[in-house]
N, C-alpha and C. Protein backbone atom coordinates (compact mmCIF):
# COMPACT_ATOMS: atom_id res chain seq x y z
N MET A 1 -34.47 -95.47 -26.79
CA MET A 1 -33.12 -95.79 -26.38
C MET A 1 -32.24 -95.84 -27.63
N SER A 2 -31.08 -95.21 -27.58
CA SER A 2 -30.15 -95.21 -28.71
C SER A 2 -29.52 -96.59 -28.88
N PRO A 3 -29.02 -96.91 -30.09
CA PRO A 3 -28.34 -98.20 -30.29
C PRO A 3 -27.19 -98.41 -29.29
N LEU A 4 -26.41 -97.38 -29.04
CA LEU A 4 -25.32 -97.52 -28.08
C LEU A 4 -25.86 -97.83 -26.69
N GLN A 5 -26.93 -97.19 -26.30
CA GLN A 5 -27.51 -97.44 -24.99
C GLN A 5 -28.05 -98.86 -24.90
N VAL A 6 -28.66 -99.36 -25.99
CA VAL A 6 -29.14 -100.74 -26.02
C VAL A 6 -27.96 -101.69 -25.77
N CYS A 7 -26.84 -101.47 -26.45
CA CYS A 7 -25.66 -102.33 -26.30
C CYS A 7 -25.11 -102.26 -24.88
N LYS A 8 -24.99 -101.07 -24.34
CA LYS A 8 -24.45 -100.91 -22.98
C LYS A 8 -25.38 -101.52 -21.93
N GLU A 9 -26.68 -101.32 -22.10
CA GLU A 9 -27.64 -101.88 -21.14
C GLU A 9 -27.65 -103.41 -21.22
N TYR A 10 -27.52 -103.94 -22.43
CA TYR A 10 -27.41 -105.40 -22.56
C TYR A 10 -26.19 -105.90 -21.79
N LEU A 11 -25.03 -105.27 -21.99
CA LEU A 11 -23.81 -105.70 -21.30
C LEU A 11 -23.98 -105.64 -19.79
N ALA A 12 -24.64 -104.60 -19.30
CA ALA A 12 -24.87 -104.48 -17.85
C ALA A 12 -25.76 -105.63 -17.36
N ALA A 13 -26.80 -105.96 -18.12
CA ALA A 13 -27.68 -107.07 -17.74
C ALA A 13 -26.92 -108.41 -17.78
N ALA A 14 -26.08 -108.59 -18.80
CA ALA A 14 -25.27 -109.82 -18.90
C ALA A 14 -24.30 -109.90 -17.73
N ASN A 15 -23.72 -108.79 -17.36
CA ASN A 15 -22.78 -108.75 -16.25
C ASN A 15 -23.46 -109.15 -14.93
N ARG A 16 -24.74 -108.84 -14.81
CA ARG A 16 -25.52 -109.20 -13.61
C ARG A 16 -26.08 -110.62 -13.69
N ALA A 17 -25.92 -111.27 -14.85
CA ALA A 17 -26.50 -112.59 -15.11
C ALA A 17 -28.02 -112.55 -14.97
N ASP A 18 -28.62 -111.47 -15.44
CA ASP A 18 -30.06 -111.26 -15.36
C ASP A 18 -30.69 -111.70 -16.68
N LEU A 19 -31.06 -112.98 -16.75
CA LEU A 19 -31.56 -113.55 -18.01
C LEU A 19 -32.81 -112.83 -18.54
N PRO A 20 -33.84 -112.57 -17.73
CA PRO A 20 -35.00 -111.85 -18.28
C PRO A 20 -34.62 -110.49 -18.86
N ALA A 21 -33.75 -109.76 -18.20
CA ALA A 21 -33.32 -108.45 -18.72
C ALA A 21 -32.54 -108.63 -20.01
N VAL A 22 -31.64 -109.61 -20.05
CA VAL A 22 -30.86 -109.88 -21.27
C VAL A 22 -31.79 -110.15 -22.44
N LEU A 23 -32.76 -111.03 -22.24
CA LEU A 23 -33.68 -111.41 -23.33
C LEU A 23 -34.50 -110.22 -23.82
N SER A 24 -34.74 -109.25 -22.96
CA SER A 24 -35.56 -108.09 -23.36
C SER A 24 -34.86 -107.20 -24.38
N PHE A 25 -33.57 -107.38 -24.59
CA PHE A 25 -32.82 -106.56 -25.55
C PHE A 25 -32.74 -107.19 -26.94
N PHE A 26 -33.32 -108.38 -27.13
CA PHE A 26 -33.19 -109.11 -28.39
C PHE A 26 -34.54 -109.39 -29.05
N THR A 27 -34.50 -109.51 -30.37
CA THR A 27 -35.68 -109.98 -31.10
C THR A 27 -35.88 -111.45 -30.76
N GLN A 28 -37.07 -111.96 -31.02
CA GLN A 28 -37.38 -113.36 -30.69
C GLN A 28 -36.50 -114.36 -31.42
N ASP A 29 -36.09 -114.05 -32.65
CA ASP A 29 -35.31 -114.98 -33.46
C ASP A 29 -33.81 -114.66 -33.47
N ALA A 30 -33.38 -113.81 -32.57
CA ALA A 30 -31.97 -113.41 -32.53
C ALA A 30 -31.07 -114.58 -32.17
N THR A 31 -29.82 -114.49 -32.62
CA THR A 31 -28.83 -115.51 -32.29
C THR A 31 -27.56 -114.86 -31.74
N VAL A 32 -26.77 -115.68 -31.06
CA VAL A 32 -25.46 -115.28 -30.58
C VAL A 32 -24.45 -116.24 -31.19
N VAL A 33 -23.34 -115.68 -31.68
CA VAL A 33 -22.26 -116.49 -32.24
C VAL A 33 -21.04 -116.28 -31.35
N SER A 34 -20.49 -117.37 -30.84
CA SER A 34 -19.36 -117.31 -29.91
C SER A 34 -18.32 -118.35 -30.32
N PRO A 35 -17.03 -117.98 -30.28
CA PRO A 35 -16.00 -118.97 -30.61
C PRO A 35 -16.02 -120.18 -29.67
N LEU A 36 -16.46 -119.99 -28.45
CA LEU A 36 -16.47 -121.07 -27.47
C LEU A 36 -17.71 -121.94 -27.58
N TYR A 37 -18.88 -121.33 -27.70
CA TYR A 37 -20.14 -122.06 -27.66
C TYR A 37 -20.77 -122.29 -29.03
N GLY A 38 -20.28 -121.61 -30.07
CA GLY A 38 -20.88 -121.73 -31.39
C GLY A 38 -22.06 -120.79 -31.56
N GLU A 39 -22.91 -121.07 -32.54
CA GLU A 39 -24.10 -120.24 -32.79
C GLU A 39 -25.31 -120.90 -32.15
N MET A 40 -26.07 -120.11 -31.42
CA MET A 40 -27.26 -120.64 -30.75
C MET A 40 -28.23 -119.51 -30.44
N SER A 41 -29.38 -119.89 -29.94
CA SER A 41 -30.37 -118.87 -29.57
C SER A 41 -29.81 -118.03 -28.42
N VAL A 42 -30.33 -116.84 -28.30
CA VAL A 42 -29.89 -115.93 -27.24
C VAL A 42 -30.11 -116.57 -25.86
N GLU A 43 -31.26 -117.17 -25.68
CA GLU A 43 -31.57 -117.77 -24.38
C GLU A 43 -30.62 -118.93 -24.07
N ASP A 44 -30.43 -119.84 -25.02
CA ASP A 44 -29.54 -120.99 -24.77
C ASP A 44 -28.11 -120.55 -24.50
N TYR A 45 -27.62 -119.57 -25.28
CA TYR A 45 -26.26 -119.07 -25.07
C TYR A 45 -26.09 -118.52 -23.66
N HIS A 46 -27.00 -117.67 -23.25
CA HIS A 46 -26.85 -117.03 -21.94
C HIS A 46 -27.04 -118.02 -20.79
N LYS A 47 -27.90 -119.00 -20.97
CA LYS A 47 -28.03 -120.04 -19.94
C LYS A 47 -26.71 -120.78 -19.77
N MET A 48 -26.06 -121.14 -20.88
CA MET A 48 -24.76 -121.82 -20.80
C MET A 48 -23.72 -120.92 -20.16
N LEU A 49 -23.65 -119.67 -20.62
CA LEU A 49 -22.68 -118.74 -20.08
C LEU A 49 -22.88 -118.54 -18.58
N PHE A 50 -24.10 -118.28 -18.17
CA PHE A 50 -24.37 -118.03 -16.75
C PHE A 50 -24.12 -119.29 -15.92
N ASN A 51 -24.35 -120.47 -16.49
CA ASN A 51 -24.09 -121.72 -15.79
C ASN A 51 -22.59 -121.93 -15.55
N ASP A 52 -21.75 -121.45 -16.46
CA ASP A 52 -20.30 -121.61 -16.34
C ASP A 52 -19.65 -120.49 -15.53
N THR A 53 -20.43 -119.47 -15.17
CA THR A 53 -19.87 -118.25 -14.58
C THR A 53 -20.23 -118.10 -13.11
N LYS A 54 -19.21 -117.82 -12.31
CA LYS A 54 -19.44 -117.47 -10.91
C LYS A 54 -19.61 -115.96 -10.78
N HIS A 55 -18.81 -115.22 -11.56
CA HIS A 55 -18.84 -113.76 -11.52
C HIS A 55 -18.12 -113.23 -12.76
N SER A 56 -18.52 -112.05 -13.21
CA SER A 56 -17.81 -111.45 -14.34
C SER A 56 -17.78 -109.93 -14.19
N ILE A 57 -16.79 -109.34 -14.84
CA ILE A 57 -16.65 -107.89 -14.86
C ILE A 57 -16.37 -107.48 -16.30
N ILE A 58 -17.16 -106.55 -16.81
CA ILE A 58 -17.00 -106.05 -18.17
C ILE A 58 -16.52 -104.61 -18.10
N ARG A 59 -15.37 -104.34 -18.76
CA ARG A 59 -14.83 -102.99 -18.80
C ARG A 59 -14.74 -102.54 -20.25
N LEU A 60 -15.63 -101.63 -20.62
CA LEU A 60 -15.69 -101.13 -21.98
C LEU A 60 -14.45 -100.31 -22.30
N GLN A 61 -13.84 -100.57 -23.46
CA GLN A 61 -12.64 -99.85 -23.87
C GLN A 61 -12.88 -98.95 -25.07
N ASN A 62 -13.53 -99.45 -26.11
CA ASN A 62 -13.74 -98.68 -27.33
C ASN A 62 -15.10 -99.01 -27.94
N ILE A 63 -15.62 -98.04 -28.67
CA ILE A 63 -16.89 -98.18 -29.37
C ILE A 63 -16.63 -97.87 -30.84
N PHE A 64 -17.12 -98.75 -31.73
CA PHE A 64 -16.96 -98.57 -33.17
C PHE A 64 -18.33 -98.58 -33.81
N GLU A 65 -18.61 -97.58 -34.65
CA GLU A 65 -19.87 -97.53 -35.36
C GLU A 65 -19.62 -97.74 -36.84
N ALA A 66 -20.54 -98.44 -37.48
CA ALA A 66 -20.42 -98.70 -38.92
C ALA A 66 -20.60 -97.40 -39.69
N ILE A 67 -19.85 -97.25 -40.77
CA ILE A 67 -19.95 -96.02 -41.54
C ILE A 67 -21.08 -96.05 -42.57
N ASN A 68 -21.50 -97.24 -42.98
CA ASN A 68 -22.54 -97.33 -44.01
C ASN A 68 -23.83 -97.96 -43.51
N ASP A 69 -23.89 -98.35 -42.25
CA ASP A 69 -25.06 -99.05 -41.75
C ASP A 69 -25.29 -98.62 -40.30
N ASP A 70 -26.37 -97.91 -40.06
CA ASP A 70 -26.62 -97.44 -38.71
C ASP A 70 -27.23 -98.52 -37.82
N ARG A 71 -27.26 -99.77 -38.34
CA ARG A 71 -27.77 -100.88 -37.55
C ARG A 71 -26.66 -101.83 -37.12
N ALA A 72 -25.43 -101.37 -37.12
CA ALA A 72 -24.30 -102.21 -36.69
C ALA A 72 -23.39 -101.39 -35.80
N MET A 73 -22.85 -102.06 -34.80
CA MET A 73 -21.96 -101.40 -33.85
C MET A 73 -21.05 -102.47 -33.25
N ALA A 74 -19.83 -102.10 -32.90
CA ALA A 74 -18.91 -103.03 -32.24
C ALA A 74 -18.39 -102.39 -30.97
N LEU A 75 -18.28 -103.18 -29.94
CA LEU A 75 -17.71 -102.72 -28.67
C LEU A 75 -16.53 -103.61 -28.33
N GLN A 76 -15.45 -102.98 -27.93
CA GLN A 76 -14.26 -103.70 -27.48
C GLN A 76 -14.21 -103.57 -25.97
N PHE A 77 -13.98 -104.68 -25.29
CA PHE A 77 -13.92 -104.60 -23.84
C PHE A 77 -13.00 -105.66 -23.26
N ASN A 78 -12.60 -105.42 -22.04
CA ASN A 78 -11.86 -106.38 -21.25
C ASN A 78 -12.88 -107.11 -20.39
N TYR A 79 -12.80 -108.42 -20.39
CA TYR A 79 -13.77 -109.25 -19.68
C TYR A 79 -13.02 -110.11 -18.67
N THR A 80 -13.32 -109.90 -17.41
CA THR A 80 -12.80 -110.78 -16.36
C THR A 80 -13.89 -111.80 -16.08
N TRP A 81 -13.55 -113.05 -16.35
CA TRP A 81 -14.51 -114.14 -16.22
C TRP A 81 -14.06 -115.05 -15.10
N VAL A 82 -14.82 -115.08 -14.03
CA VAL A 82 -14.53 -115.99 -12.92
C VAL A 82 -15.44 -117.21 -13.10
N LEU A 83 -14.80 -118.34 -13.39
CA LEU A 83 -15.54 -119.58 -13.63
C LEU A 83 -16.05 -120.15 -12.31
N ASN A 84 -16.99 -121.05 -12.40
CA ASN A 84 -17.51 -121.70 -11.19
C ASN A 84 -16.43 -122.42 -10.40
N SER A 85 -15.37 -122.82 -11.07
CA SER A 85 -14.25 -123.48 -10.39
C SER A 85 -13.44 -122.50 -9.55
N GLY A 86 -13.68 -121.19 -9.73
CA GLY A 86 -12.93 -120.16 -9.03
C GLY A 86 -11.80 -119.59 -9.86
N LYS A 87 -11.47 -120.24 -10.98
CA LYS A 87 -10.42 -119.75 -11.87
C LYS A 87 -10.87 -118.45 -12.52
N SER A 88 -9.97 -117.46 -12.52
CA SER A 88 -10.26 -116.16 -13.12
C SER A 88 -9.49 -116.01 -14.42
N LEU A 89 -10.20 -115.62 -15.49
CA LEU A 89 -9.59 -115.43 -16.80
C LEU A 89 -9.84 -113.99 -17.25
N ASN A 90 -8.84 -113.39 -17.87
CA ASN A 90 -8.99 -112.05 -18.43
C ASN A 90 -8.91 -112.15 -19.94
N LEU A 91 -9.95 -111.66 -20.62
CA LEU A 91 -10.04 -111.76 -22.07
C LEU A 91 -10.25 -110.37 -22.67
N GLU A 92 -9.69 -110.19 -23.85
CA GLU A 92 -10.00 -109.01 -24.67
C GLU A 92 -11.01 -109.48 -25.70
N LEU A 93 -12.16 -108.82 -25.77
CA LEU A 93 -13.24 -109.24 -26.66
C LEU A 93 -13.71 -108.11 -27.54
N MET A 94 -14.27 -108.50 -28.67
CA MET A 94 -15.04 -107.60 -29.53
C MET A 94 -16.44 -108.20 -29.62
N SER A 95 -17.42 -107.36 -29.46
CA SER A 95 -18.82 -107.75 -29.64
C SER A 95 -19.35 -107.00 -30.84
N LEU A 96 -19.83 -107.73 -31.83
CA LEU A 96 -20.43 -107.12 -33.00
C LEU A 96 -21.95 -107.21 -32.85
N PHE A 97 -22.57 -106.07 -32.71
CA PHE A 97 -24.01 -105.99 -32.49
C PHE A 97 -24.71 -105.64 -33.81
N GLU A 98 -25.72 -106.42 -34.15
CA GLU A 98 -26.57 -106.10 -35.29
C GLU A 98 -27.95 -105.79 -34.72
N LEU A 99 -28.47 -104.63 -35.10
CA LEU A 99 -29.75 -104.19 -34.57
C LEU A 99 -30.88 -104.45 -35.55
N ALA A 100 -32.06 -104.67 -35.01
CA ALA A 100 -33.27 -104.85 -35.82
C ALA A 100 -33.58 -103.53 -36.53
N PRO A 101 -34.43 -103.57 -37.56
CA PRO A 101 -34.70 -102.35 -38.34
C PRO A 101 -35.10 -101.12 -37.53
N LYS A 102 -35.84 -101.27 -36.45
CA LYS A 102 -36.22 -100.10 -35.65
C LYS A 102 -35.10 -99.64 -34.72
N ARG A 103 -33.98 -100.40 -34.69
CA ARG A 103 -32.77 -100.04 -33.93
C ARG A 103 -32.98 -100.02 -32.42
N ASN A 104 -34.03 -100.67 -31.93
CA ASN A 104 -34.27 -100.69 -30.50
C ASN A 104 -34.06 -102.07 -29.88
N LEU A 105 -33.82 -103.07 -30.72
CA LEU A 105 -33.54 -104.43 -30.27
C LEU A 105 -32.38 -105.01 -31.07
N LEU A 106 -31.69 -105.96 -30.48
CA LEU A 106 -30.58 -106.63 -31.14
C LEU A 106 -31.10 -107.85 -31.91
N SER A 107 -30.60 -108.03 -33.13
CA SER A 107 -31.02 -109.18 -33.92
C SER A 107 -29.94 -110.25 -34.00
N LYS A 108 -28.69 -109.86 -33.75
CA LYS A 108 -27.58 -110.83 -33.75
C LYS A 108 -26.42 -110.23 -32.97
N LEU A 109 -25.73 -111.10 -32.26
CA LEU A 109 -24.55 -110.71 -31.49
C LEU A 109 -23.44 -111.70 -31.80
N THR A 110 -22.31 -111.19 -32.26
CA THR A 110 -21.17 -112.04 -32.58
C THR A 110 -19.99 -111.62 -31.71
N TYR A 111 -19.44 -112.59 -30.99
CA TYR A 111 -18.26 -112.33 -30.15
C TYR A 111 -17.01 -112.78 -30.90
N ILE A 112 -15.96 -112.00 -30.77
CA ILE A 112 -14.67 -112.35 -31.36
C ILE A 112 -13.63 -112.30 -30.24
N TYR A 113 -12.98 -113.43 -30.00
CA TYR A 113 -11.93 -113.50 -28.99
C TYR A 113 -11.12 -114.78 -29.17
N ASP A 114 -9.94 -114.79 -28.56
CA ASP A 114 -9.05 -115.95 -28.63
C ASP A 114 -9.45 -116.93 -27.53
N THR A 115 -9.71 -118.16 -27.89
CA THR A 115 -10.15 -119.16 -26.91
C THR A 115 -9.01 -120.00 -26.33
N ALA A 116 -7.77 -119.70 -26.68
CA ALA A 116 -6.64 -120.55 -26.25
C ALA A 116 -6.62 -120.79 -24.75
N GLN A 117 -6.69 -119.73 -23.96
CA GLN A 117 -6.60 -119.94 -22.51
C GLN A 117 -7.87 -120.56 -21.93
N LEU A 118 -8.99 -120.44 -22.63
CA LEU A 118 -10.24 -121.02 -22.15
C LEU A 118 -10.24 -122.54 -22.23
N ARG A 119 -9.63 -123.07 -23.28
CA ARG A 119 -9.68 -124.51 -23.52
C ARG A 119 -9.07 -125.33 -22.38
N THR A 120 -8.16 -124.77 -21.63
CA THR A 120 -7.54 -125.52 -20.54
C THR A 120 -8.30 -125.38 -19.22
N HIS A 121 -9.31 -124.51 -19.17
CA HIS A 121 -10.00 -124.25 -17.91
C HIS A 121 -11.48 -124.63 -17.89
N LEU A 122 -12.02 -125.00 -19.03
CA LEU A 122 -13.42 -125.39 -19.08
C LEU A 122 -13.54 -126.87 -19.37
N PRO A 123 -14.56 -127.52 -18.78
CA PRO A 123 -14.76 -128.93 -19.09
C PRO A 123 -15.15 -129.09 -20.56
N VAL A 124 -14.83 -130.24 -21.11
CA VAL A 124 -15.06 -130.51 -22.53
C VAL A 124 -16.53 -130.29 -22.89
N GLU A 125 -17.46 -130.68 -22.03
CA GLU A 125 -18.88 -130.54 -22.36
C GLU A 125 -19.32 -129.08 -22.44
N ALA A 126 -18.54 -128.15 -21.91
CA ALA A 126 -18.87 -126.73 -21.98
C ALA A 126 -18.45 -126.12 -23.31
N MET A 127 -17.68 -126.85 -24.09
CA MET A 127 -17.17 -126.30 -25.35
C MET A 127 -17.87 -126.93 -26.54
């Protein structure tokens, strides 16, 4: 599977809230960094995200590849996040994917987005 396909398949699994499938795309020691949840293990991050989510839609907009490192890639997408409360939020996000040396698994995922509108819609314990 190509690095781009790994990233796209991960996003599809995340969109389905399929935790076993999501975990299959990461190394055992991989981490996720998120402005909302901080840095944590892949499993803990996705459990929190899926717990806060009623439904989500990911629409890929752009793909960026590193010029000096074939183990890095960024995807820009629009994310419609429907919270368990029923509130729907639309976010523009960048996902920075770092791949393991064999380029078939993700070793780190960093999300970049503005959390301003999120802070008024999530309970304090979710942040």
